[in-house]
Protein backbone atom coordinates (compact mmCIF):
# COMPACT_ATOMS: atom_id res chain seq x y z
CA MET A 1 17.29 18.10 103.55
CA ILE A 2 17.24 21.78 104.50
CA GLN A 3 13.87 23.28 103.58
CA LYS A 4 14.76 26.99 103.42
CA LEU A 5 17.82 27.23 101.18
CA GLU A 6 18.49 30.43 99.22
CA ILE A 7 21.18 30.35 96.53
CA SER A 8 22.38 33.53 94.86
CA GLY A 9 25.18 34.33 92.45
CA ILE A 10 27.14 37.58 92.59
CA HIS A 11 29.05 38.43 89.40
CA THR A 12 28.41 34.90 88.18
CA LYS A 13 25.67 32.99 86.43
CA LEU A 14 24.29 30.02 88.34
CA THR A 15 23.79 26.86 86.37
CA ASP A 16 21.43 24.03 87.25
CA LYS A 17 24.44 21.81 87.89
CA THR A 18 25.86 24.27 90.46
CA GLU A 19 22.49 24.74 92.16
CA ASN A 20 21.99 20.98 92.46
CA TYR A 21 25.52 20.61 93.84
CA VAL A 22 24.80 23.24 96.51
CA LYS A 23 21.50 21.57 97.41
CA THR A 24 23.24 18.21 97.74
CA LYS A 25 26.27 19.37 99.75
CA ILE A 26 24.88 22.17 101.92
CA GLY A 27 21.39 20.65 102.13
CA GLY A 28 22.93 17.43 103.41
CA LEU A 29 24.22 19.20 106.51
CA ASP A 30 20.74 18.87 107.99
CA LYS A 31 21.78 15.70 109.81
CA TYR A 32 24.24 17.71 111.92
CA VAL A 33 21.54 20.10 113.19
CA PRO A 34 19.63 19.15 116.36
CA LYS A 35 16.09 17.93 115.63
CA ASN A 36 14.45 20.73 117.61
CA ALA A 37 16.24 23.37 115.49
CA ARG A 38 15.55 21.88 112.05
CA SER A 39 12.14 23.48 111.57
CA SER A 40 13.40 27.03 112.12
CA GLN A 41 16.74 26.91 110.30
CA HIS A 42 17.37 29.08 107.26
CA VAL A 43 20.43 28.98 104.97
CA GLU A 44 21.75 31.54 102.50
CA VAL A 45 24.47 30.56 100.01
CA LYS A 46 26.23 33.27 98.02
CA LEU A 47 28.52 32.27 95.16
CA LYS A 48 30.87 34.92 93.81
CA GLU A 49 33.51 35.14 91.10
CA VAL A 50 36.64 36.88 92.35
CA LYS A 51 39.16 38.19 89.88
CA SER A 52 42.66 38.62 91.23
CA LYS A 53 45.66 39.86 89.26
CA GLN A 54 46.55 36.58 87.60
CA LYS A 55 43.79 34.07 88.11
CA LEU A 56 40.07 33.70 88.49
CA SER A 57 38.76 32.12 91.66
CA HIS A 58 35.36 31.45 93.16
CA GLU A 59 34.14 32.27 96.64
CA CYS A 60 31.32 30.61 98.54
CA GLU A 61 29.76 32.26 101.58
CA VAL A 62 27.27 30.29 103.65
CA ILE A 63 25.16 31.87 106.39
CA MET A 64 23.07 29.49 108.49
CA TYR A 65 20.48 30.97 110.84
CA LEU A 66 19.72 28.72 113.80
CA PRO A 67 17.57 29.39 116.90
CA HIS A 68 20.37 30.54 119.23
CA THR A 69 23.03 31.66 116.80
CA GLN A 70 24.12 32.38 113.26
CA LEU A 71 26.91 30.35 111.66
CA THR A 72 28.94 31.97 108.88
CA THR A 73 31.74 30.65 106.74
CA LYS A 74 33.61 31.73 103.61
CA ALA A 75 35.74 29.60 101.35
CA ARG A 76 37.64 30.08 98.10
CA GLY A 77 38.50 27.63 95.35
CA LEU A 78 39.48 27.44 91.72
CA SER A 79 36.01 26.20 90.79
CA PRO A 80 32.61 26.77 92.40
CA GLU A 81 32.49 23.10 93.43
CA ALA A 82 35.83 23.33 95.23
CA ALA A 83 34.67 26.42 97.13
CA ILE A 84 31.40 24.71 98.07
CA ASP A 85 33.25 21.60 99.32
CA GLU A 86 35.55 23.69 101.51
CA ALA A 87 32.64 25.73 102.91
CA GLU A 88 30.76 22.51 103.67
CA ALA A 89 33.71 21.11 105.62
CA LYS A 90 34.07 24.29 107.67
CA LEU A 91 30.35 24.48 108.36
CA LYS A 92 30.25 20.81 109.38
CA THR A 93 32.76 21.42 112.20
CA GLN A 94 30.82 24.49 113.36
CA LEU A 95 27.58 22.49 113.39
CA LYS A 96 29.15 19.71 115.44
CA LYS A 97 30.15 22.28 118.08
CA TYR A 98 26.66 23.80 117.96
CA LYS A 99 25.07 20.39 118.41
CA GLU A 100 27.26 19.67 121.43
CA LYS A 101 26.14 22.92 123.02
CA HIS A 102 22.44 22.91 122.05
CA GLY A 103 21.81 19.23 121.37
CA GLY A 104 19.34 18.63 124.16
CA PRO A 105 19.28 16.10 127.00
CA GLN A 106 19.20 13.01 124.78
CA PHE A 107 22.46 13.97 123.11
CA HIS A 108 24.14 14.71 126.44
CA HIS A 109 22.90 11.39 127.81
CA LYS A 110 24.52 9.55 124.89
CA VAL A 111 27.80 11.39 125.39
CA ILE A 112 27.88 10.65 129.12
CA SER A 113 27.06 6.96 128.61
CA TYR A 114 29.79 6.75 125.95
CA LEU A 115 32.34 8.29 128.30
CA LYS A 116 31.36 5.96 131.13
CA ARG A 117 31.99 2.91 128.93
CA ARG A 118 35.57 4.01 128.27
């Protein structure tokens, strides 16, 4: 679970249910971060209500600070949970790319041995 997780609401009131949902979904992305980067990671989640002409939508912005980079994603949905789910999916793909690049020698060894078996 991510230790440093800041959740803020802009133009919206955060409920306990929404905060727990963010902690579960975004906090669960810890398994995609390399072990050497887990102690120094920091995540900010900003939930916002966006009013367009005809409907109300919610926006979720996630900024993850890692040792060599900063990952940012924005997602919109009809409910806060839908926006959080979409942001989680986008961030998961970015973290997989980050782990491939900064995963360390053990990760590269596993990838090379997997490719040799094919």
